[in-house]
Amino acid sequence: SGGARPRAGRMDGSGERSLPEPGSQSSAASDDIEIVVNVGGVRQVLYGDLLSQYPETRLAELINCLAGGYDTIFSLCDDYDPGKREFYFDRDPDAFKCVIEVYYFGEVHMKKGICPICFKNEMDFWKVDLKFLDDCCKSHLSEKREELEEIARRVQLILDDLGVDAAEGRWRRCQKCVWKFLEKPESSCPARVVAVLSFLLILVSSVVMCMGTIPELQVLDAEGNRVEHPTLENVETACIGWFTLEYLLRLFSSPNKLHFALSFMNIVDVLAILPFYVSLTLTHLGARMMELTNVQQAVQALRIMRIARIFKLARHSSGLQTLTYALKRSFKELGLLLMYLAVGIFVFSALGYTMEQSHPETLFKSIPQSFWWAIITMTTVGYGDIYPKTTLGKLNAAISFLCGVIAIALPIHPIINNFVRYYNKQRVLETAAKHELELMELNSSSGGEGKTGGSRSDLDNLPPEPAGKEAPSCSSRLKLSHSDTFIPLLTEEKHHRTRLQSCK
C-alpha cells in the first residue's frame, strides 16, 4: 500500500529488483531498481523512484551506470563490489545524511557542527545544487566564505610584502618600501618607531589645541584681541608639517591612489590638515578681499574643525577600528534605540506639558520646549533646569525615566555582541593567516628548497594537481583559495590532516 509515496532507505535486507550485471543490457524500469551505497562505512539502500526525482545528481546516475561497464562505475564511486552489488564512497557519512534529505523533503539542512565549506564540497560531489540548501544554512556558508577570503587576502598581502620582483623598476621598488614603512609598523623596527612618533604627535596636537583656549596662556595682538601663544602655534605648525609630509608620502606610494583618497580614514586626515592651511591663507590674503572681522570669524570656525585630528588615532588603534565596525553593523539596533526614544520623548513631553498647565509657576511653556525635559529625563541625565511641580507631572516624570532605562537597555546587548564577535573574529583570522604562513614555510623547508617565504611567481610554477582527485586531504602542492591566493597543505612525510581539519 502507499506505492505513490517515496520509500525510505534501509540499512540492510534484500529489496525488490536489484541492479543488473555490469555491461548487461536491461530493459527493466529504473523506478523498480534498488541500489546499495556504502558512505564512510554506513550502508544504505535507496530506490530508483526516489532518486529519479533529481536525475542530474550522482546517486541518480548510479541507476543506469552498470550498462556502461566498470569505467562508468568507477567514474561515479570509489569502489564497487559486484558480489554484493554495493557502491562504496569515501565521503563524510554525516554530511551524506543531510544531503540525502533532498530526495525526501526537497531541501537540505546542514547539521550543526559540520564545516559549511566542507558541506558545500559534499553537495558539489553529490551534484546537489546549492539552491536546495535552506536559507538559514546559506548564511553560515556565506560567513565562512568571507572568513576564508579574508584569510587568503591577508596571506596574499604578506606574500606580496615578502616577494621581490626583479622585473620591477627602481621607482616601483622604492614606492613599495615607503608604503610598507608607513602602513605596516610591524614590518621593521624603524617603521614601528615612526608609527609611535605619529601617535604621540596626534596627542600633542590635540593637547595644544585644548591649551590654546586657556585665557591665561593667550596673548594680546596689535588690535587687543586674545590669540594663541606663539609657542603653541609653533608646536602646532610642526605637527601639521609632519601630518602633511606623512599624508603626501602615503599618497604617492599607495598602489591605488583613488581608493586611498576616498578611504574614510584618509578623508579624516585631510580634514585634520586642511583647516590649518585654509586659515593661514585667509589670514594673509583674505584681509584684502573682505573685512577683518569676517576673516577672524572664518578662521575661528576653521579652528573648530581641528577636532577631526583626534579621529586619526583610529588609524593606529585596532580597538577604535573594531568599535567603528561594530557600530556600522549595529545600525538596526541603533535605529531601534532612536525610535524608542523618539516615541517616548514625544509622548511624555506632551503629557508633561498638559499636566503642568494647572500650576501657576509651570516651567513647561510649550510642547517643543518640553522635548528637552523629556530627553534629559529618559536618558537619566536630569539637569534640573526644567522639572514638574504637580503630582501628576512628577508621576509622569517617574514613568518616563523608567521607560527610558528600558528603551536604552534593550538594544545595548546586541551592540556589545557585535563588538565582541568582530573582535574575536579578527583575532582568529590573524592567527589563521599566520598558521597558513607557517605551513608554507614548513612545506618549503621540507621540500629541500631552502626558502622560507616565496613570492607569487614561485607559486605559479608549481605543477598542477593530478586529474581524477576530488579533494586530497594531504598534498605537497599548494591549494588555490577563494581569492586566488595559494595556501599550502602539510606534506605526507610530516603530518596528516583530514579535509575537515584543513578547513577548520
Protein backbone atom coordinates (compact mmCIF):
# COMPACT_ATOMS: atom_id res chain seq x y z
CA SER A 1 0.00 0.00 0.00
CA GLY A 2 1.06 3.63 -0.47
CA GLY A 3 3.04 2.91 -3.64
CA ALA A 4 2.96 6.58 -4.64
CA ARG A 5 4.81 7.66 -1.52
CA PRO A 6 8.65 7.65 -1.68
CA ARG A 7 10.16 4.71 0.12
CA ALA A 8 12.80 5.30 2.74
CA GLY A 9 16.25 3.77 2.54
CA ARG A 10 17.03 0.66 4.58
CA MET A 11 20.15 -0.34 6.39
CA ASP A 12 20.14 -3.92 5.07
CA GLY A 13 17.90 -6.58 3.60
CA SER A 14 17.02 -7.70 0.11
CA GLY A 15 14.95 -5.38 -1.97
CA GLU A 16 12.60 -5.71 -4.83
CA ARG A 17 14.65 -5.60 -8.02
CA SER A 18 18.45 -5.47 -7.80
CA LEU A 19 20.90 -3.95 -10.24
CA PRO A 20 21.88 -5.95 -13.34
CA GLU A 21 25.39 -7.16 -14.04
CA PRO A 22 27.91 -4.55 -15.31
CA GLY A 23 27.80 -4.25 -19.05
CA SER A 24 24.49 -6.11 -19.44
CA GLN A 25 21.51 -4.64 -21.21
CA SER A 26 18.38 -4.45 -19.08
CA SER A 27 15.02 -3.12 -20.10
CA ALA A 28 13.62 -3.02 -16.60
CA ALA A 29 12.18 0.27 -15.42
CA SER A 30 14.63 2.27 -13.35
CA ASP A 31 11.93 3.09 -10.82
CA ASP A 32 11.86 -0.56 -9.65
CA ILE A 33 15.65 -0.76 -9.11
CA GLU A 34 17.23 -0.52 -5.71
CA ILE A 35 20.86 0.39 -5.16
CA VAL A 36 23.08 -0.15 -2.14
CA VAL A 37 25.56 2.58 -1.20
CA ASN A 38 28.21 2.50 1.50
CA VAL A 39 29.28 6.01 2.51
CA GLY A 40 32.10 6.10 5.03
CA GLY A 41 31.08 2.70 6.47
CA VAL A 42 27.36 3.47 6.66
CA ARG A 43 25.36 1.15 4.38
CA GLN A 44 22.03 2.31 2.99
CA VAL A 45 19.54 1.02 0.42
CA LEU A 46 17.91 3.54 -1.94
CA TYR A 47 15.27 3.13 -4.62
CA GLY A 48 15.11 4.28 -8.19
CA ASP A 49 11.77 6.05 -7.94
CA LEU A 50 13.20 8.12 -5.10
CA LEU A 51 16.45 9.03 -6.85
CA SER A 52 14.93 9.68 -10.28
CA GLN A 53 13.28 12.86 -8.95
CA TYR A 54 16.63 14.60 -9.48
CA PRO A 55 18.30 12.84 -12.45
CA GLU A 56 21.26 15.23 -12.52
CA THR A 57 22.57 14.07 -9.13
CA ARG A 58 25.31 11.47 -8.66
CA LEU A 59 23.05 8.97 -6.90
CA ALA A 60 20.54 9.10 -9.77
CA GLU A 61 23.35 8.39 -12.24
CA LEU A 62 24.14 5.16 -10.38
CA ILE A 63 20.87 3.65 -11.58
CA ASN A 64 21.99 3.28 -15.19
CA CYS A 65 25.79 3.29 -14.69
CA LEU A 66 26.15 -0.52 -14.90
CA ALA A 67 25.25 -0.51 -18.55
CA GLY A 68 28.42 1.46 -19.28
CA GLY A 69 30.75 -1.05 -17.66
CA TYR A 70 33.33 -0.62 -14.92
CA ASP A 71 34.77 2.58 -16.38
CA THR A 72 31.46 4.34 -15.88
CA ILE A 73 31.03 2.83 -12.43
CA PHE A 74 34.40 3.97 -11.10
CA SER A 75 33.87 7.45 -12.54
CA LEU A 76 30.96 7.81 -10.11
CA CYS A 77 32.16 5.96 -6.99
CA ASP A 78 35.40 5.00 -5.26
CA ASP A 79 34.84 1.23 -5.34
CA TYR A 80 32.24 -1.34 -6.32
CA ASP A 81 31.57 -4.88 -5.05
CA PRO A 82 29.90 -6.89 -7.83
CA GLY A 83 29.06 -9.72 -5.42
CA LYS A 84 27.08 -7.51 -3.03
CA ARG A 85 26.10 -5.01 -5.77
CA GLU A 86 27.33 -2.30 -3.41
CA PHE A 87 28.82 1.13 -4.26
CA TYR A 88 31.49 2.47 -1.93
CA PHE A 89 32.15 6.18 -1.31
CA ASP A 90 34.96 7.58 0.82
CA ARG A 91 32.94 10.57 1.95
CA ASP A 92 31.58 12.04 5.17
CA PRO A 93 28.58 9.95 6.30
CA ASP A 94 27.16 12.73 8.49
CA ALA A 95 27.09 15.13 5.56
CA PHE A 96 25.55 12.42 3.35
CA LYS A 97 22.66 12.00 5.80
CA CYS A 98 21.93 15.71 5.36
CA VAL A 99 22.38 15.76 1.58
CA ILE A 100 20.05 12.81 1.03
CA GLU A 101 17.19 14.79 2.60
CA VAL A 102 16.73 16.50 -0.77
CA TYR A 103 15.16 13.30 -2.13
CA TYR A 104 12.64 13.12 0.71
CA PHE A 105 11.84 16.74 1.55
CA GLY A 106 13.11 18.77 -1.42
CA GLU A 107 15.53 20.78 0.73
CA VAL A 108 18.80 20.30 2.57
CA HIS A 109 19.60 21.33 6.13
CA MET A 110 23.17 21.41 7.37
CA LYS A 111 23.69 19.60 10.64
CA LYS A 112 25.18 21.63 13.47
CA GLY A 113 28.92 21.08 13.86
CA ILE A 114 29.70 20.43 10.17
CA CYS A 115 32.01 22.90 8.50
CA PRO A 116 30.00 24.89 5.92
CA ILE A 117 32.78 24.82 3.31
CA CYS A 118 33.20 21.05 3.65
CA PHE A 119 29.43 20.60 3.43
CA LYS A 120 29.39 22.69 0.27
CA ASN A 121 32.08 20.43 -1.18
CA GLU A 122 29.97 17.40 -0.26
CA MET A 123 26.97 18.86 -2.07
CA ASP A 124 29.15 19.50 -5.10
CA PHE A 125 30.37 15.91 -5.03
CA TRP A 126 26.85 14.50 -4.89
CA LYS A 127 25.87 17.04 -7.58
CA VAL A 128 23.10 18.57 -5.49
CA ASP A 129 22.50 22.20 -6.35
CA LEU A 130 23.04 24.81 -3.64
CA LYS A 131 19.56 26.19 -4.29
CA PHE A 132 18.19 23.28 -2.22
CA LEU A 133 20.17 24.47 0.81
CA ASP A 134 17.95 26.20 3.35
CA ASP A 135 18.34 29.95 3.82
CA CYS A 136 19.47 29.62 7.42
CA CYS A 137 22.31 27.35 6.29
CA LYS A 138 23.25 29.60 3.37
CA SER A 139 24.04 32.40 5.82
CA HIS A 140 26.58 30.18 7.61
CA LEU A 141 28.13 29.25 4.27
CA SER A 142 28.42 32.89 3.24
CA GLU A 143 30.01 33.82 6.55
CA LYS A 144 32.59 31.02 6.25
CA ARG A 145 33.37 32.06 2.67
CA GLU A 146 34.02 35.61 3.81
CA GLU A 147 36.35 34.35 6.53
CA LEU A 148 38.35 32.25 4.07
CA GLU A 149 38.54 35.14 1.62
CA GLU A 150 39.79 37.40 4.41
CA ILE A 151 42.43 34.85 5.41
CA ALA A 152 43.51 34.48 1.79
CA ARG A 153 43.67 38.25 1.38
CA ARG A 154 45.87 38.62 4.47
CA VAL A 155 48.16 35.82 3.34
CA GLN A 156 48.45 37.37 -0.11
CA LEU A 157 49.33 40.76 1.38
CA ILE A 158 52.09 39.19 3.44
CA LEU A 159 53.36 37.28 0.42
CA ASP A 160 53.40 40.47 -1.62
CA ASP A 161 55.49 42.13 1.07
CA LEU A 162 57.92 39.23 1.23
CA GLY A 163 58.22 38.73 -2.52
CA VAL A 164 60.61 40.86 -4.57
CA ASP A 165 60.06 41.08 -8.29
CA ALA A 166 63.34 41.67 -10.11
CA ALA A 167 61.47 42.94 -13.17
CA GLU A 168 60.18 45.97 -11.26
CA GLY A 169 61.93 49.29 -11.69
CA ARG A 170 63.80 51.17 -9.02
CA TRP A 171 60.97 53.67 -8.52
CA ARG A 172 58.43 50.89 -8.07
CA ARG A 173 60.58 49.09 -5.50
CA CYS A 174 61.17 52.36 -3.65
CA GLN A 175 57.45 53.05 -3.69
CA LYS A 176 56.67 49.65 -2.16
CA CYS A 177 59.32 50.18 0.52
CA VAL A 178 57.89 53.58 1.51
CA TRP A 179 54.34 52.17 1.58
CA LYS A 180 55.37 49.27 3.80
CA PHE A 181 57.40 51.61 6.01
CA LEU A 182 54.42 53.93 6.66
CA GLU A 183 51.48 51.49 6.56
CA LYS A 184 52.91 48.38 8.21
CA PRO A 185 54.53 49.21 11.57
CA GLU A 186 55.18 45.51 12.24
CA SER A 187 57.44 45.21 9.18
CA SER A 188 60.55 46.68 10.88
CA CYS A 189 61.76 48.45 13.99
CA PRO A 190 62.13 51.90 12.30
CA ALA A 191 58.57 51.59 10.95
CA ARG A 192 57.34 50.89 14.48
CA VAL A 193 59.21 53.94 15.78
CA VAL A 194 57.62 56.14 13.11
CA ALA A 195 54.16 54.81 14.00
CA VAL A 196 54.70 55.58 17.69
CA LEU A 197 56.01 59.05 16.81
CA SER A 198 52.96 59.77 14.67
CA PHE A 199 50.70 58.60 17.50
CA LEU A 200 52.43 60.89 20.01
CA LEU A 201 52.25 63.88 17.66
CA ILE A 202 48.50 63.37 17.33
CA LEU A 203 48.19 63.51 21.11
CA VAL A 204 50.47 66.55 21.34
CA SER A 205 48.49 68.37 18.66
CA SER A 206 45.21 67.64 20.45
CA VAL A 207 46.62 68.83 23.77
CA VAL A 208 47.96 72.02 22.19
CA MET A 209 44.57 72.72 20.64
CA CYS A 210 42.95 72.46 24.07
CA MET A 211 45.61 74.51 25.86
CA GLY A 212 45.31 77.28 23.27
CA THR A 213 41.83 78.09 24.57
CA ILE A 214 43.01 78.77 28.18
CA PRO A 215 42.84 82.57 28.75
CA GLU A 216 45.93 82.56 30.96
CA LEU A 217 48.02 81.11 28.13
CA GLN A 218 46.75 83.53 25.47
CA VAL A 219 48.42 86.80 24.48
CA LEU A 220 47.10 90.09 23.09
CA ASP A 221 47.69 91.01 19.45
CA ALA A 222 48.08 94.53 17.98
CA GLU A 223 44.29 95.07 17.97
CA GLY A 224 43.91 93.98 21.61
CA ASN A 225 42.33 90.58 20.81
CA ARG A 226 43.33 87.43 22.62
CA VAL A 227 45.17 84.93 20.40
CA GLU A 228 47.08 81.71 20.97
CA HIS A 229 50.56 81.84 22.43
CA PRO A 230 53.27 81.87 19.73
CA THR A 231 54.94 78.82 21.27
CA LEU A 232 51.77 76.78 20.98
CA GLU A 233 51.34 77.95 17.40
CA ASN A 234 54.86 76.84 16.57
CA VAL A 235 54.24 73.40 18.09
CA GLU A 236 51.03 73.06 16.12
CA THR A 237 52.77 74.17 12.93
CA ALA A 238 55.41 71.47 13.42
CA CYS A 239 52.73 68.83 13.98
CA ILE A 240 50.80 69.91 10.90
CA GLY A 241 54.02 69.78 8.89
CA TRP A 242 54.58 66.18 9.99
CA PHE A 243 50.98 65.21 9.20
CA THR A 244 51.26 66.81 5.76
CA LEU A 245 54.52 65.07 4.93
CA GLU A 246 53.16 61.74 6.14
CA TYR A 247 49.96 62.06 4.09
CA LEU A 248 51.80 63.06 0.89
CA LEU A 249 54.26 60.18 1.21
CA ARG A 250 51.45 57.70 1.76
CA LEU A 251 49.54 59.16 -1.19
CA PHE A 252 52.47 58.97 -3.60
CA SER A 253 53.44 55.45 -2.51
CA SER A 254 49.92 53.98 -2.46
CA PRO A 255 49.29 51.29 -5.09
CA ASN A 256 45.73 52.58 -5.73
CA LYS A 257 45.62 56.34 -5.29
CA LEU A 258 41.88 56.70 -5.98
CA HIS A 259 40.99 54.14 -3.34
CA PHE A 260 43.45 55.79 -0.96
CA ALA A 261 41.95 59.26 -1.45
CA LEU A 262 38.37 58.02 -0.93
CA SER A 263 39.15 55.98 2.17
CA PHE A 264 37.35 57.21 5.28
CA MET A 265 40.44 57.45 7.48
CA ASN A 266 42.36 59.31 4.79
CA ILE A 267 39.49 61.77 4.42
CA VAL A 268 39.76 62.33 8.17
CA ASP A 269 43.48 63.03 7.72
CA VAL A 270 42.68 65.67 5.08
CA LEU A 271 40.06 67.29 7.31
CA ALA A 272 42.61 67.46 10.13
CA ILE A 273 45.22 69.15 7.92
CA LEU A 274 43.14 71.36 5.64
CA PRO A 275 41.84 73.90 8.24
CA PHE A 276 45.39 74.98 9.08
CA TYR A 277 46.24 75.90 5.50
CA VAL A 278 42.85 77.48 4.81
CA SER A 279 43.05 79.65 7.92
CA LEU A 280 46.64 80.57 7.03
CA THR A 281 45.52 81.59 3.55
CA LEU A 282 42.61 83.64 4.89
CA THR A 283 44.84 85.38 7.41
CA HIS A 284 47.40 86.55 4.83
CA LEU A 285 45.22 87.01 1.74
CA GLY A 286 41.64 87.23 2.94
CA ALA A 287 42.03 90.66 4.50
CA ARG A 288 42.38 92.17 1.06
CA MET A 289 39.07 90.73 -0.14
CA MET A 290 36.84 91.04 2.92
CA GLU A 291 36.59 92.80 6.24
CA LEU A 292 38.95 91.84 9.05
CA THR A 293 36.04 90.81 11.30
CA ASN A 294 34.75 88.31 8.73
CA VAL A 295 38.24 86.89 8.30
CA GLN A 296 38.59 86.36 12.03
CA GLN A 297 35.19 84.65 12.22
CA ALA A 298 36.09 82.35 9.34
CA VAL A 299 39.43 81.48 10.93
CA GLN A 300 37.72 80.76 14.25
CA ALA A 301 35.22 78.45 12.53
CA LEU A 302 38.03 76.59 10.78
CA ARG A 303 39.93 76.15 14.03
CA ILE A 304 36.97 74.20 15.38
CA MET A 305 37.49 71.66 12.59
CA ARG A 306 40.83 70.79 14.17
CA ILE A 307 38.98 68.39 16.45
CA ALA A 308 38.92 65.97 13.48
CA ARG A 309 42.57 65.15 14.16
CA ILE A 310 41.59 63.13 17.22
CA PHE A 311 40.00 60.61 14.84
CA LYS A 312 43.45 59.99 13.39
CA LEU A 313 44.05 57.82 16.43
CA ALA A 314 41.74 55.21 14.89
CA ARG A 315 44.34 54.51 12.22
CA HIS A 316 46.79 53.42 14.94
CA SER A 317 44.27 51.66 17.21
CA SER A 318 42.66 48.34 16.34
CA GLY A 319 40.24 48.82 19.25
CA LEU A 320 38.79 52.00 17.73
CA GLN A 321 38.53 50.28 14.36
CA THR A 322 36.68 47.40 15.97
CA LEU A 323 34.30 49.84 17.69
CA THR A 324 33.65 51.61 14.37
CA TYR A 325 32.87 48.32 12.64
CA ALA A 326 30.58 47.21 15.49
CA LEU A 327 28.62 50.46 15.22
CA LYS A 328 28.34 50.04 11.44
CA ARG A 329 26.98 46.51 11.91
CA SER A 330 24.57 47.75 14.61
CA PHE A 331 22.66 50.31 12.56
CA LYS A 332 19.45 48.33 13.04
CA GLU A 333 19.81 48.25 16.82
CA LEU A 334 20.78 51.93 16.93
CA GLY A 335 17.74 52.74 14.78
CA LEU A 336 15.50 50.87 17.22
CA LEU A 337 17.05 52.80 20.12
CA LEU A 338 16.41 56.15 18.44
CA MET A 339 12.86 55.13 17.53
CA TYR A 340 12.07 54.09 21.12
CA LEU A 341 13.47 57.36 22.47
CA ALA A 342 11.70 59.48 19.83
CA VAL A 343 8.30 57.93 20.62
CA GLY A 344 8.86 58.26 24.37
CA ILE A 345 10.05 61.87 24.09
CA PHE A 346 7.00 62.90 22.09
CA VAL A 347 4.51 61.12 24.38
CA PHE A 348 5.95 62.16 27.74
CA SER A 349 6.66 65.75 26.72
CA ALA A 350 3.04 66.16 25.57
CA LEU A 351 1.75 64.61 28.80
CA GLY A 352 4.09 66.73 30.92
CA TYR A 353 3.03 69.93 29.18
CA THR A 354 -0.68 69.07 29.67
CA MET A 355 -0.34 68.13 33.34
CA GLU A 356 1.76 71.17 34.27
CA GLN A 357 -0.58 73.78 32.81
CA SER A 358 -2.64 73.88 36.01
CA HIS A 359 0.35 75.11 38.04
CA PRO A 360 0.81 78.92 38.02
CA GLU A 361 4.64 78.69 38.03
CA THR A 362 4.95 75.99 35.41
CA LEU A 363 8.25 75.60 33.58
CA PHE A 364 6.65 73.80 30.63
CA LYS A 365 5.88 76.70 28.28
CA SER A 366 5.26 74.59 25.15
CA ILE A 367 5.50 71.02 23.88
CA PRO A 368 8.65 71.68 21.82
CA GLN A 369 10.26 73.19 24.90
CA SER A 370 9.21 70.08 26.83
CA PHE A 371 11.24 67.93 24.41
CA TRP A 372 14.40 68.99 26.22
CA TRP A 373 12.96 67.90 29.57
CA ALA A 374 11.89 64.54 28.10
CA ILE A 375 15.34 63.92 26.60
CA ILE A 376 17.30 64.57 29.78
CA THR A 377 14.72 62.60 31.82
CA MET A 378 14.58 59.48 29.63
CA THR A 379 18.37 59.37 29.39
CA THR A 380 18.56 59.74 33.23
CA VAL A 381 20.72 62.90 32.96
CA GLY A 382 18.38 65.23 34.83
CA TYR A 383 19.95 68.71 34.77
CA GLY A 384 17.16 70.11 36.91
CA ASP A 385 16.65 73.26 34.81
CA ILE A 386 13.12 72.07 33.93
CA TYR A 387 11.17 69.92 36.38
CA PRO A 388 7.50 69.17 37.14
CA LYS A 389 5.76 70.73 40.14
CA THR A 390 2.40 68.96 40.16
CA THR A 391 1.73 65.46 41.47
CA LEU A 392 0.63 64.11 38.09
CA GLY A 393 3.65 65.73 36.47
CA LYS A 394 6.01 64.01 38.90
CA LEU A 395 4.27 60.68 38.28
CA ASN A 396 4.68 61.23 34.53
CA ALA A 397 8.38 62.00 35.07
CA ALA A 398 8.87 58.78 37.09
CA ILE A 399 7.27 56.67 34.35
CA SER A 400 9.28 58.47 31.66
CA PHE A 401 12.72 57.74 33.14
CA LEU A 402 11.74 54.11 33.86
CA CYS A 403 10.72 53.69 30.24
CA GLY A 404 13.91 55.44 29.17
CA VAL A 405 16.06 52.96 31.10
CA ILE A 406 14.23 50.04 29.46
CA ALA A 407 14.42 51.57 25.99
CA ILE A 408 18.18 52.16 26.28
CA ALA A 409 18.97 48.77 27.83
CA LEU A 410 17.20 46.63 25.22
CA PRO A 411 19.41 47.33 22.14
CA ILE A 412 22.67 47.56 24.09
CA HIS A 413 23.22 43.80 24.35
CA PRO A 414 23.19 43.15 20.55
CA ILE A 415 25.62 46.04 20.04
CA ILE A 416 28.02 44.58 22.62
CA ASN A 417 27.68 41.15 20.99
CA ASN A 418 28.60 42.62 17.59
CA PHE A 419 31.70 44.23 19.11
CA VAL A 420 32.85 41.04 20.88
CA ARG A 421 32.11 38.86 17.85
CA TYR A 422 34.06 41.08 15.45
CA TYR A 423 36.99 41.46 17.87
CA ASN A 424 37.27 37.71 18.39
CA LYS A 425 36.86 37.10 14.66
CA GLN A 426 39.76 39.42 13.84
CA ARG A 427 41.99 37.60 16.30
CA VAL A 428 41.02 34.22 14.81
CA LEU A 429 41.64 35.43 11.25
CA GLU A 430 45.02 36.86 12.20
CA THR A 431 46.00 33.57 13.85
CA ALA A 432 44.76 31.59 10.85
CA ALA A 433 46.78 33.71 8.43
CA LYS A 434 49.94 33.22 10.50
CA HIS A 435 49.24 29.50 10.66
CA GLU A 436 48.97 29.25 6.87
CA LEU A 437 52.28 31.09 6.51
CA GLU A 438 53.91 28.67 8.95
CA LEU A 439 52.60 25.79 6.84
CA MET A 440 54.08 27.37 3.73
CA GLU A 441 57.44 27.75 5.45
CA LEU A 442 57.31 24.17 6.71
CA ASN A 443 56.36 22.88 3.26
CA SER A 444 59.18 24.83 1.60
CA SER A 445 61.82 23.71 4.09
CA SER A 446 60.75 20.05 3.96
CA GLY A 447 60.98 20.09 0.17
CA GLY A 448 64.68 20.99 0.39
CA GLU A 449 64.27 24.22 -1.49
CA GLY A 450 65.76 26.33 1.30
CA LYS A 451 63.06 29.01 1.06
CA THR A 452 61.23 30.50 3.99
CA GLY A 453 58.63 32.51 2.20
CA GLY A 454 58.15 32.61 -1.52
CA SER A 455 56.68 35.02 -3.99
CA ARG A 456 53.68 34.65 -6.21
CA SER A 457 55.89 33.79 -9.19
CA ASP A 458 57.27 30.79 -7.31
CA LEU A 459 53.76 29.58 -6.60
CA ASP A 460 52.69 29.81 -10.22
CA ASN A 461 55.49 27.46 -11.30
CA LEU A 462 54.26 24.57 -9.18
CA PRO A 463 52.84 21.53 -11.05
CA PRO A 464 49.06 21.27 -11.21
CA GLU A 465 47.00 18.77 -9.27
CA PRO A 466 46.54 15.40 -10.99
CA ALA A 467 43.18 14.82 -12.56
CA GLY A 468 40.68 12.45 -11.00
CA LYS A 469 41.08 13.56 -7.40
CA GLU A 470 38.20 15.43 -5.86
CA ALA A 471 39.71 16.88 -2.69
CA PRO A 472 43.02 15.38 -1.49
CA SER A 473 43.49 15.55 2.22
CA CYS A 474 47.30 15.62 2.11
CA SER A 475 49.44 17.09 -0.60
CA SER A 476 52.82 18.70 -1.07
CA ARG A 477 51.42 21.20 -3.54
CA LEU A 478 49.63 24.48 -2.91
CA LYS A 479 45.90 24.83 -2.97
CA LEU A 480 44.04 27.70 -4.60
CA SER A 481 41.80 29.56 -2.19
CA HIS A 482 38.67 31.61 -2.85
CA SER A 483 40.58 34.82 -3.64
CA ASP A 484 43.29 33.30 -5.87
CA THR A 485 45.77 33.01 -3.01
CA PHE A 486 47.77 29.78 -2.84
CA ILE A 487 47.63 28.13 0.58
CA PRO A 488 49.77 25.00 1.12
CA LEU A 489 48.94 21.80 2.95
CA LEU A 490 51.36 19.79 5.04
CA THR A 491 53.50 17.15 3.38
CA GLU A 492 52.69 13.50 3.88
CA GLU A 493 56.08 12.86 5.48
CA LYS A 494 55.47 15.37 8.28
CA HIS A 495 51.81 15.46 9.31
CA HIS A 496 48.44 14.28 8.10
CA ARG A 497 45.35 16.45 8.08
CA THR A 498 41.88 15.38 7.05
CA ARG A 499 39.70 17.53 4.87
CA LEU A 500 37.67 18.74 7.85
CA GLN A 501 40.80 19.58 9.85
CA SER A 502 42.26 21.52 6.95
CA CYS A 503 39.11 23.64 6.64
CA LYS A 504 38.86 24.26 10.36
